Amino acid sequence: MNGKHDQTLKRAATASRGQRVTDSALILPLVGIILFLLPIMWPRSSDLDPVAGTATSTALIYLFVVWAGLICCALGLAFVIKRFGVGRR
């Protein structure tokens, strides 16, 4: 009976872990939107004082890095979801 109880606990832990990963995958687009909108709040550099703001090239590099990071996160979450078999009944 002890072995059956251990299997039940392992199954519950795996299901809980899979649910957390699924929740992370659902939140990822919201995190992406917030990260993509951050450069809008950065001060812009002007012709009068170019040091005071952020250059457009810096903002574009930031957006590219965020985009690549989101792709890597989504890929990692996809592998983890596949490993845990989340969504299969």
PDB file of N, CA and C in Angstrom:
ATOM      1  N   MET A   1       0.822  -1.188   0.000  1.00  0.00           N
ATOM      2  CA  MET A   1       0.000   0.000   0.000  1.00  0.00           C
ATOM      3  C   MET A   1       0.869   1.257   0.000  1.00  0.00           C
ATOM      4  N   ASN A   2       2.037   1.178   0.598  1.00  0.00           N
ATOM      5  CA  ASN A   2       2.929   2.323   0.650  1.00  0.00           C
ATOM      6  C   ASN A   2       3.425   2.706  -0.750  1.00  0.00           C
ATOM      7  N   GLY A   3       3.709   1.710  -1.584  1.00  0.00           N
ATOM      8  CA  GLY A   3       4.152   1.982  -2.951  1.00  0.00           C
ATOM      9  C   GLY A   3       3.084   2.669  -3.775  1.00  0.00           C
ATOM     10  N   LYS A   4       1.833   2.285  -3.554  1.00  0.00           N
ATOM     11  CA  LYS A   4       0.722   2.897  -4.284  1.00  0.00           C
ATOM     12  C   LYS A   4       0.556   4.360  -3.867  1.00  0.00           C
ATOM     13  N   HIS A   5       0.762   4.619  -2.584  1.00  0.00           N
ATOM     14  CA  HIS A   5       0.668   5.988  -2.067  1.00  0.00           C
ATOM     15  C   HIS A   5       1.780   6.855  -2.656  1.00  0.00           C
ATOM     16  N   ASP A   6       2.993   6.300  -2.768  1.00  0.00           N
ATOM     17  CA  ASP A   6       4.120   7.032  -3.354  1.00  0.00           C
ATOM     18  C   ASP A   6       3.858   7.375  -4.816  1.00  0.00           C
ATOM     19  N   GLN A   7       3.269   6.435  -5.555  1.00  0.00           N
ATOM     20  CA  GLN A   7       2.943   6.686  -6.962  1.00  0.00           C
ATOM     21  C   GLN A   7       1.904   7.788  -7.079  1.00  0.00           C
ATOM     22  N   THR A   8       0.942   7.797  -6.189  1.00  0.00           N
ATOM     23  CA  THR A   8      -0.085   8.832  -6.207  1.00  0.00           C
ATOM     24  C   THR A   8       0.532  10.200  -5.927  1.00  0.00           C
ATOM     25  N   LEU A   9       1.442  10.265  -4.973  1.00  0.00           N
ATOM     26  CA  LEU A   9       2.108  11.525  -4.658  1.00  0.00           C
ATOM     27  C   LEU A   9       2.967  12.012  -5.827  1.00  0.00           C
ATOM     28  N   LYS A  10       3.683  11.099  -6.480  1.00  0.00           N
ATOM     29  CA  LYS A  10       4.503  11.475  -7.630  1.00  0.00           C
ATOM     30  C   LYS A  10       3.641  11.975  -8.774  1.00  0.00           C
ATOM     31  N   ARG A  11       2.525  11.318  -8.999  1.00  0.00           N
ATOM     32  CA  ARG A  11       1.615  11.718 -10.065  1.00  0.00           C
ATOM     33  C   ARG A  11       1.033  13.107  -9.777  1.00  0.00           C
ATOM     34  N   ALA A  12       0.690  13.360  -8.527  1.00  0.00           N
ATOM     35  CA  ALA A  12       0.147  14.665  -8.151  1.00  0.00           C
ATOM     36  C   ALA A  12       1.208  15.754  -8.295  1.00  0.00           C
ATOM     37  N   ALA A  13       2.444  15.451  -7.908  1.00  0.00           N
ATOM     38  CA  ALA A  13       3.526  16.431  -8.038  1.00  0.00           C
ATOM     39  C   ALA A  13       3.805  16.742  -9.506  1.00  0.00           C
ATOM     40  N   THR A  14       3.777  15.723 -10.341  1.00  0.00           N
ATOM     41  CA  THR A  14       4.003  15.932 -11.773  1.00  0.00           C
ATOM     42  C   THR A  14       2.882  16.762 -12.378  1.00  0.00           C
ATOM     43  N   ALA A  15       1.649  16.489 -11.983  1.00  0.00           N
ATOM     44  CA  ALA A  15       0.512  17.263 -12.493  1.00  0.00           C
ATOM     45  C   ALA A  15       0.607  18.716 -12.044  1.00  0.00           C
ATOM     46  N   SER A  16       1.013  18.927 -10.806  1.00  0.00           N
ATOM     47  CA  SER A  16       1.163  20.288 -10.292  1.00  0.00           C
ATOM     48  C   SER A  16       2.263  21.033 -11.038  1.00  0.00           C
ATOM     49  N   ARG A  17       3.375  20.366 -11.273  1.00  0.00           N
ATOM     50  CA  ARG A  17       4.483  20.972 -12.020  1.00  0.00           C
ATOM     51  C   ARG A  17       4.041  21.296 -13.444  1.00  0.00           C
ATOM     52  N   GLY A  18       3.319  20.402 -14.061  1.00  0.00           N
ATOM     53  CA  GLY A  18       2.829  20.639 -15.413  1.00  0.00           C
ATOM     54  C   GLY A  18       1.863  21.805 -15.468  1.00  0.00           C
ATOM     55  N   GLN A  19       1.038  21.950 -14.440  1.00  0.00           N
ATOM     56  CA  GLN A  19       0.097  23.070 -14.403  1.00  0.00           C
ATOM     57  C   GLN A  19       0.840  24.397 -14.272  1.00  0.00           C
ATOM     58  N   ARG A  20       1.900  24.425 -13.478  1.00  0.00           N
ATOM     59  CA  ARG A  20       2.692  25.651 -13.345  1.00  0.00           C
ATOM     60  C   ARG A  20       3.360  26.021 -14.666  1.00  0.00           C
ATOM     61  N   VAL A  21       3.831  25.023 -15.383  1.00  0.00           N
ATOM     62  CA  VAL A  21       4.468  25.290 -16.679  1.00  0.00           C
ATOM     63  C   VAL A  21       3.433  25.815 -17.674  1.00  0.00           C
ATOM     64  N   THR A  22       2.246  25.223 -17.656  1.00  0.00           N
ATOM     65  CA  THR A  22       1.180  25.694 -18.538  1.00  0.00           C
ATOM     66  C   THR A  22       0.790  27.131 -18.208  1.00  0.00           C
ATOM     67  N   ASP A  23       0.714  27.451 -16.926  1.00  0.00           N
ATOM     68  CA  ASP A  23       0.412  28.822 -16.522  1.00  0.00           C
ATOM     69  C   ASP A  23       1.499  29.782 -16.991  1.00  0.00           C
ATOM     70  N   SER A  24       2.745  29.348 -16.931  1.00  0.00           N
ATOM     71  CA  SER A  24       3.853  30.181 -17.414  1.00  0.00           C
ATOM     72  C   SER A  24       3.723  30.440 -18.914  1.00  0.00           C
ATOM     73  N   ALA A  25       3.331  29.421 -19.647  1.00  0.00           N
ATOM     74  CA  ALA A  25       3.169  29.575 -21.095  1.00  0.00           C
ATOM     75  C   ALA A  25       2.019  30.528 -21.419  1.00  0.00           C
ATOM     76  N   LEU A  26       0.996  30.552 -20.584  1.00  0.00           N
ATOM     77  CA  LEU A  26      -0.124  31.458 -20.816  1.00  0.00           C
ATOM     78  C   LEU A  26       0.222  32.899 -20.467  1.00  0.00           C
ATOM     79  N   ILE A  27       1.140  33.105 -19.540  1.00  0.00           N
ATOM     80  CA  ILE A  27       1.524  34.452 -19.126  1.00  0.00           C
ATOM     81  C   ILE A  27       2.592  35.038 -20.045  1.00  0.00           C
ATOM     82  N   LEU A  28       3.310  34.205 -20.773  1.00  0.00           N
ATOM     83  CA  LEU A  28       4.414  34.664 -21.617  1.00  0.00           C
ATOM     84  C   LEU A  28       4.013  35.764 -22.614  1.00  0.00           C
ATOM     85  N   PRO A  29       2.869  35.689 -23.300  1.00  0.00           N
ATOM     86  CA  PRO A  29       2.506  36.797 -24.206  1.00  0.00           C
ATOM     87  C   PRO A  29       2.298  38.131 -23.484  1.00  0.00           C
ATOM     88  N   LEU A  30       1.738  38.089 -22.285  1.00  0.00           N
ATOM     89  CA  LEU A  30       1.548  39.317 -21.516  1.00  0.00           C
ATOM     90  C   LEU A  30       2.895  39.924 -21.133  1.00  0.00           C
ATOM     91  N   VAL A  31       3.826  39.091 -20.717  1.00  0.00           N
ATOM     92  CA  VAL A  31       5.176  39.563 -20.391  1.00  0.00           C
ATOM     93  C   VAL A  31       5.822  40.161 -21.642  1.00  0.00           C
ATOM     94  N   GLY A  32       5.621  39.522 -22.782  1.00  0.00           N
ATOM     95  CA  GLY A  32       6.172  40.041 -24.037  1.00  0.00           C
ATOM     96  C   GLY A  32       5.615  41.409 -24.392  1.00  0.00           C
ATOM     97  N   ILE A  33       4.315  41.591 -24.214  1.00  0.00           N
ATOM     98  CA  ILE A  33       3.698  42.894 -24.515  1.00  0.00           C
ATOM     99  C   ILE A  33       4.278  43.972 -23.615  1.00  0.00           C
ATOM    100  N   ILE A  34       4.412  43.668 -22.334  1.00  0.00           N
ATOM    101  CA  ILE A  34       4.960  44.658 -21.402  1.00  0.00           C
ATOM    102  C   ILE A  34       6.400  45.006 -21.776  1.00  0.00           C
ATOM    103  N   LEU A  35       7.206  43.982 -22.100  1.00  0.00           N
ATOM    104  CA  LEU A  35       8.599  44.240 -22.468  1.00  0.00           C
ATOM    105  C   LEU A  35       8.717  45.003 -23.781  1.00  0.00           C
ATOM    106  N   PHE A  36       7.803  44.751 -24.731  1.00  0.00           N
ATOM    107  CA  PHE A  36       7.841  45.474 -25.999  1.00  0.00           C
ATOM    108  C   PHE A  36       7.420  46.936 -25.834  1.00  0.00           C
ATOM    109  N   LEU A  37       6.579  47.217 -24.854  1.00  0.00           N
ATOM    110  CA  LEU A  37       6.110  48.589 -24.669  1.00  0.00           C
ATOM    111  C   LEU A  37       7.042  49.439 -23.804  1.00  0.00           C
ATOM    112  N   LEU A  38       8.008  48.838 -23.154  1.00  0.00           N
ATOM    113  CA  LEU A  38       8.933  49.604 -22.308  1.00  0.00           C
ATOM    114  C   LEU A  38       9.684  50.715 -23.048  1.00  0.00           C
ATOM    115  N   PRO A  39      10.164  50.493 -24.281  1.00  0.00           N
ATOM    116  CA  PRO A  39      10.897  51.580 -24.949  1.00  0.00           C
ATOM    117  C   PRO A  39      10.054  52.831 -25.200  1.00  0.00           C
ATOM    118  N   ILE A  40       8.746  52.709 -25.174  1.00  0.00           N
ATOM    119  CA  ILE A  40       7.899  53.887 -25.358  1.00  0.00           C
ATOM    120  C   ILE A  40       8.086  54.863 -24.197  1.00  0.00           C
ATOM    121  N   MET A  41       8.371  54.339 -23.008  1.00  0.00           N
ATOM    122  CA  MET A  41       8.529  55.193 -21.829  1.00  0.00           C
ATOM    123  C   MET A  41       9.939  55.748 -21.687  1.00  0.00           C
ATOM    124  N   TRP A  42      10.892  55.270 -22.474  1.00  0.00           N
ATOM    125  CA  TRP A  42      12.259  55.774 -22.382  1.00  0.00           C
ATOM    126  C   TRP A  42      12.317  57.203 -22.923  1.00  0.00           C
ATOM    127  N   PRO A  43      13.137  58.041 -22.330  1.00  0.00           N
ATOM    128  CA  PRO A  43      13.282  59.400 -22.882  1.00  0.00           C
ATOM    129  C   PRO A  43      14.002  59.336 -24.229  1.00  0.00           C
ATOM    130  N   ARG A  44      13.552  60.174 -25.138  1.00  0.00           N
ATOM    131  CA  ARG A  44      14.168  60.192 -26.470  1.00  0.00           C
ATOM    132  C   ARG A  44      15.333  61.167 -26.498  1.00  0.00           C
ATOM    133  N   SER A  45      16.306  60.831 -27.293  1.00  0.00           N
ATOM    134  CA  SER A  45      17.420  61.762 -27.451  1.00  0.00           C
ATOM    135  C   SER A  45      17.008  62.836 -28.455  1.00  0.00           C
ATOM    136  N   SER A  46      17.414  64.038 -28.189  1.00  0.00           N
ATOM    137  CA  SER A  46      17.075  65.151 -29.076  1.00  0.00           C
ATOM    138  C   SER A  46      18.361  65.731 -29.661  1.00  0.00           C
ATOM    139  N   ASP A  47      18.180  66.608 -30.603  1.00  0.00           N
ATOM    140  CA  ASP A  47      19.344  67.261 -31.213  1.00  0.00           C
ATOM    141  C   ASP A  47      20.028  68.195 -30.223  1.00  0.00           C
ATOM    142  N   LEU A  48      19.273  68.751 -29.291  1.00  0.00           N
ATOM    143  CA  LEU A  48      19.853  69.684 -28.329  1.00  0.00           C
ATOM    144  C   LEU A  48      20.704  68.976 -27.279  1.00  0.00           C
ATOM    145  N   ASP A  49      20.233  67.817 -26.813  1.00  0.00           N
ATOM    146  CA  ASP A  49      20.969  67.092 -25.770  1.00  0.00           C
ATOM    147  C   ASP A  49      20.922  65.593 -26.076  1.00  0.00           C
ATOM    148  N   PRO A  50      21.820  65.097 -26.930  1.00  0.00           N
ATOM    149  CA  PRO A  50      21.777  63.685 -27.320  1.00  0.00           C
ATOM    150  C   PRO A  50      22.149  62.718 -26.199  1.00  0.00           C
ATOM    151  N   VAL A  51      22.797  63.190 -25.151  1.00  0.00           N
ATOM    152  CA  VAL A  51      23.209  62.317 -24.059  1.00  0.00           C
ATOM    153  C   VAL A  51      22.035  62.004 -23.129  1.00  0.00           C
ATOM    154  N   ALA A  52      21.050  62.893 -23.078  1.00  0.00           N
ATOM    155  CA  ALA A  52      19.963  62.773 -22.104  1.00  0.00           C
ATOM    156  C   ALA A  52      18.981  61.651 -22.431  1.00  0.00           C
ATOM    157  N   GLY A  53      18.905  61.223 -23.661  1.00  0.00           N
ATOM    158  CA  GLY A  53      17.900  60.235 -24.031  1.00  0.00           C
ATOM    159  C   GLY A  53      18.495  58.940 -24.545  1.00  0.00           C
ATOM    160  N   THR A  54      17.609  58.118 -25.071  1.00  0.00           N
ATOM    161  CA  THR A  54      17.998  56.823 -25.615  1.00  0.00           C
ATOM    162  C   THR A  54      17.919  56.880 -27.135  1.00  0.00           C
ATOM    163  N   ALA A  55      18.931  56.396 -27.782  1.00  0.00           N
ATOM    164  CA  ALA A  55      18.969  56.405 -29.243  1.00  0.00           C
ATOM    165  C   ALA A  55      18.012  55.353 -29.803  1.00  0.00           C
ATOM    166  N   THR A  56      17.542  55.596 -31.001  1.00  0.00           N
ATOM    167  CA  THR A  56      16.642  54.663 -31.657  1.00  0.00           C
ATOM    168  C   THR A  56      17.323  53.319 -31.883  1.00  0.00           C
ATOM    169  N   SER A  57      18.594  53.348 -32.201  1.00  0.00           N
ATOM    170  CA  SER A  57      19.308  52.086 -32.427  1.00  0.00           C
ATOM    171  C   SER A  57      19.364  51.244 -31.154  1.00  0.00           C
ATOM    172  N   THR A  58      19.501  51.888 -30.016  1.00  0.00           N
ATOM    173  CA  THR A  58      19.502  51.156 -28.744  1.00  0.00           C
ATOM    174  C   THR A  58      18.147  50.518 -28.494  1.00  0.00           C
ATOM    175  N   ALA A  59      17.081  51.251 -28.786  1.00  0.00           N
ATOM    176  CA  ALA A  59      15.730  50.711 -28.604  1.00  0.00           C
ATOM    177  C   ALA A  59      15.484  49.528 -29.541  1.00  0.00           C
ATOM    178  N   LEU A  60      15.979  49.606 -30.771  1.00  0.00           N
ATOM    179  CA  LEU A  60      15.792  48.510 -31.716  1.00  0.00           C
ATOM    180  C   LEU A  60      16.590  47.273 -31.299  1.00  0.00           C
ATOM    181  N   ILE A  61      17.791  47.483 -30.785  1.00  0.00           N
ATOM    182  CA  ILE A  61      18.576  46.350 -30.277  1.00  0.00           C
ATOM    183  C   ILE A  61      17.848  45.709 -29.096  1.00  0.00           C
ATOM    184  N   TYR A  62      17.312  46.528 -28.207  1.00  0.00           N
ATOM    185  CA  TYR A  62      16.553  46.024 -27.067  1.00  0.00           C
ATOM    186  C   TYR A  62      15.361  45.185 -27.554  1.00  0.00           C
ATOM    187  N   LEU A  63      14.608  45.699 -28.529  1.00  0.00           N
ATOM    188  CA  LEU A  63      13.446  44.966 -29.038  1.00  0.00           C
ATOM    189  C   LEU A  63      13.855  43.631 -29.659  1.00  0.00           C
ATOM    190  N   PHE A  64      14.967  43.621 -30.388  1.00  0.00           N
ATOM    191  CA  PHE A  64      15.431  42.375 -30.988  1.00  0.00           C
ATOM    192  C   PHE A  64      15.828  41.364 -29.923  1.00  0.00           C
ATOM    193  N   VAL A  65      16.510  41.820 -28.880  1.00  0.00           N
ATOM    194  CA  VAL A  65      16.919  40.916 -27.801  1.00  0.00           C
ATOM    195  C   VAL A  65      15.696  40.369 -27.064  1.00  0.00           C
ATOM    196  N   VAL A  66      14.708  41.221 -26.813  1.00  0.00           N
ATOM    197  CA  VAL A  66      13.479  40.765 -26.152  1.00  0.00           C
ATOM    198  C   VAL A  66      12.760  39.745 -27.036  1.00  0.00           C
ATOM    199  N   TRP A  67      12.692  40.026 -28.325  1.00  0.00           N
ATOM    200  CA  TRP A  67      12.028  39.119 -29.267  1.00  0.00           C
ATOM    201  C   TRP A  67      12.715  37.747 -29.265  1.00  0.00           C
ATOM    202  N   ALA A  68      14.047  37.749 -29.337  1.00  0.00           N
ATOM    203  CA  ALA A  68      14.797  36.486 -29.325  1.00  0.00           C
ATOM    204  C   ALA A  68      14.633  35.775 -27.983  1.00  0.00           C
ATOM    205  N   GLY A  69      14.618  36.528 -26.896  1.00  0.00           N
ATOM    206  CA  GLY A  69      14.422  35.934 -25.577  1.00  0.00           C
ATOM    207  C   GLY A  69      13.054  35.292 -25.431  1.00  0.00           C
ATOM    208  N   LEU A  70      12.025  35.936 -25.959  1.00  0.00           N
ATOM    209  CA  LEU A  70      10.676  35.364 -25.907  1.00  0.00           C
ATOM    210  C   LEU A  70      10.593  34.071 -26.719  1.00  0.00           C
ATOM    211  N   ILE A  71      11.270  34.043 -27.858  1.00  0.00           N
ATOM    212  CA  ILE A  71      11.287  32.823 -28.667  1.00  0.00           C
ATOM    213  C   ILE A  71      11.972  31.697 -27.908  1.00  0.00           C
ATOM    214  N   CYS A  72      13.094  32.003 -27.272  1.00  0.00           N
ATOM    215  CA  CYS A  72      13.810  30.976 -26.494  1.00  0.00           C
ATOM    216  C   CYS A  72      12.979  30.489 -25.316  1.00  0.00           C
ATOM    217  N   CYS A  73      12.306  31.399 -24.635  1.00  0.00           N
ATOM    218  CA  CYS A  73      11.437  31.003 -23.516  1.00  0.00           C
ATOM    219  C   CYS A  73      10.289  30.124 -23.995  1.00  0.00           C
ATOM    220  N   ALA A  74       9.672  30.496 -25.113  1.00  0.00           N
ATOM    221  CA  ALA A  74       8.564  29.702 -25.648  1.00  0.00           C
ATOM    222  C   ALA A  74       9.044  28.315 -26.072  1.00  0.00           C
ATOM    223  N   LEU A  75      10.232  28.248 -26.656  1.00  0.00           N
ATOM    224  CA  LEU A  75      10.795  26.961 -27.052  1.00  0.00           C
ATOM    225  C   LEU A  75      11.062  26.087 -25.827  1.00  0.00           C
ATOM    226  N   GLY A  76      11.663  26.678 -24.811  1.00  0.00           N
ATOM    227  CA  GLY A  76      11.921  25.934 -23.581  1.00  0.00           C
ATOM    228  C   GLY A  76      10.644  25.444 -22.920  1.00  0.00           C
ATOM    229  N   LEU A  77       9.633  26.316 -22.861  1.00  0.00           N
ATOM    230  CA  LEU A  77       8.352  25.906 -22.278  1.00  0.00           C
ATOM    231  C   LEU A  77       7.690  24.811 -23.101  1.00  0.00           C
ATOM    232  N   ALA A  78       7.831  24.872 -24.421  1.00  0.00           N
ATOM    233  CA  ALA A  78       7.250  23.828 -25.272  1.00  0.00           C
ATOM    234  C   ALA A  78       7.892  22.471 -24.992  1.00  0.00           C
ATOM    235  N   PHE A  79       9.207  22.459 -24.823  1.00  0.00           N
ATOM    236  CA  PHE A  79       9.883  21.193 -24.497  1.00  0.00           C
ATOM    237  C   PHE A  79       9.455  20.656 -23.137  1.00  0.00           C
ATOM    238  N   VAL A  80       9.322  21.551 -22.162  1.00  0.00           N
ATOM    239  CA  VAL A  80       8.913  21.112 -20.831  1.00  0.00           C
ATOM    240  C   VAL A  80       7.469  20.610 -20.844  1.00  0.00           C
ATOM    241  N   ILE A  81       6.607  21.305 -21.563  1.00  0.00           N
ATOM    242  CA  ILE A  81       5.202  20.864 -21.657  1.00  0.00           C
ATOM    243  C   ILE A  81       5.130  19.510 -22.341  1.00  0.00           C
ATOM    244  N   LYS A  82       5.929  19.319 -23.384  1.00  0.00           N
ATOM    245  CA  LYS A  82       5.946  18.028 -24.068  1.00  0.00           C
ATOM    246  C   LYS A  82       6.454  16.923 -23.138  1.00  0.00           C
ATOM    247  N   ARG A  83       7.439  17.245 -22.313  1.00  0.00           N
ATOM    248  CA  ARG A  83       8.003  16.261 -21.398  1.00  0.00           C
ATOM    249  C   ARG A  83       6.977  15.820 -20.356  1.00  0.00           C
ATOM    250  N   PHE A  84       6.232  16.770 -19.802  1.00  0.00           N
ATOM    251  CA  PHE A  84       5.262  16.442 -18.785  1.00  0.00           C
ATOM    252  C   PHE A  84       3.947  15.929 -19.370  1.00  0.00           C
ATOM    253  N   GLY A  85       3.762  16.071 -20.671  1.00  0.00           N
ATOM    254  CA  GLY A  85       2.543  15.585 -21.303  1.00  0.00           C
ATOM    255  C   GLY A  85       1.309  16.366 -20.868  1.00  0.00           C
ATOM    256  N   VAL A  86       1.468  17.661 -20.640  1.00  0.00           N
ATOM    257  CA  VAL A  86       0.350  18.481 -20.192  1.00  0.00           C
ATOM    258  C   VAL A  86      -0.668  18.578 -21.309  1.00  0.00           C
ATOM    259  N   GLY A  87      -1.911  18.459 -20.957  1.00  0.00           N
ATOM    260  CA  GLY A  87      -2.990  18.551 -21.923  1.00  0.00           C
ATOM    261  C   GLY A  87      -3.433  17.194 -22.436  1.00  0.00           C
ATOM    262  N   ARG A  88      -2.710  16.146 -22.136  1.00  0.00           N
ATOM    263  CA  ARG A  88      -3.105  14.805 -22.552  1.00  0.00           C
ATOM    264  C   ARG A  88      -3.918  14.157 -21.452  1.00  0.00           C
ATOM    265  N   ARG A  89      -4.927  13.502 -21.813  1.00  0.00           N
ATOM    266  CA  ARG A  89      -5.789  12.829 -20.829  1.00  0.00           C
ATOM    267  C   ARG A  89      -5.784  11.343 -21.047  1.00  0.00           C
TER     268      ARG A  89
END
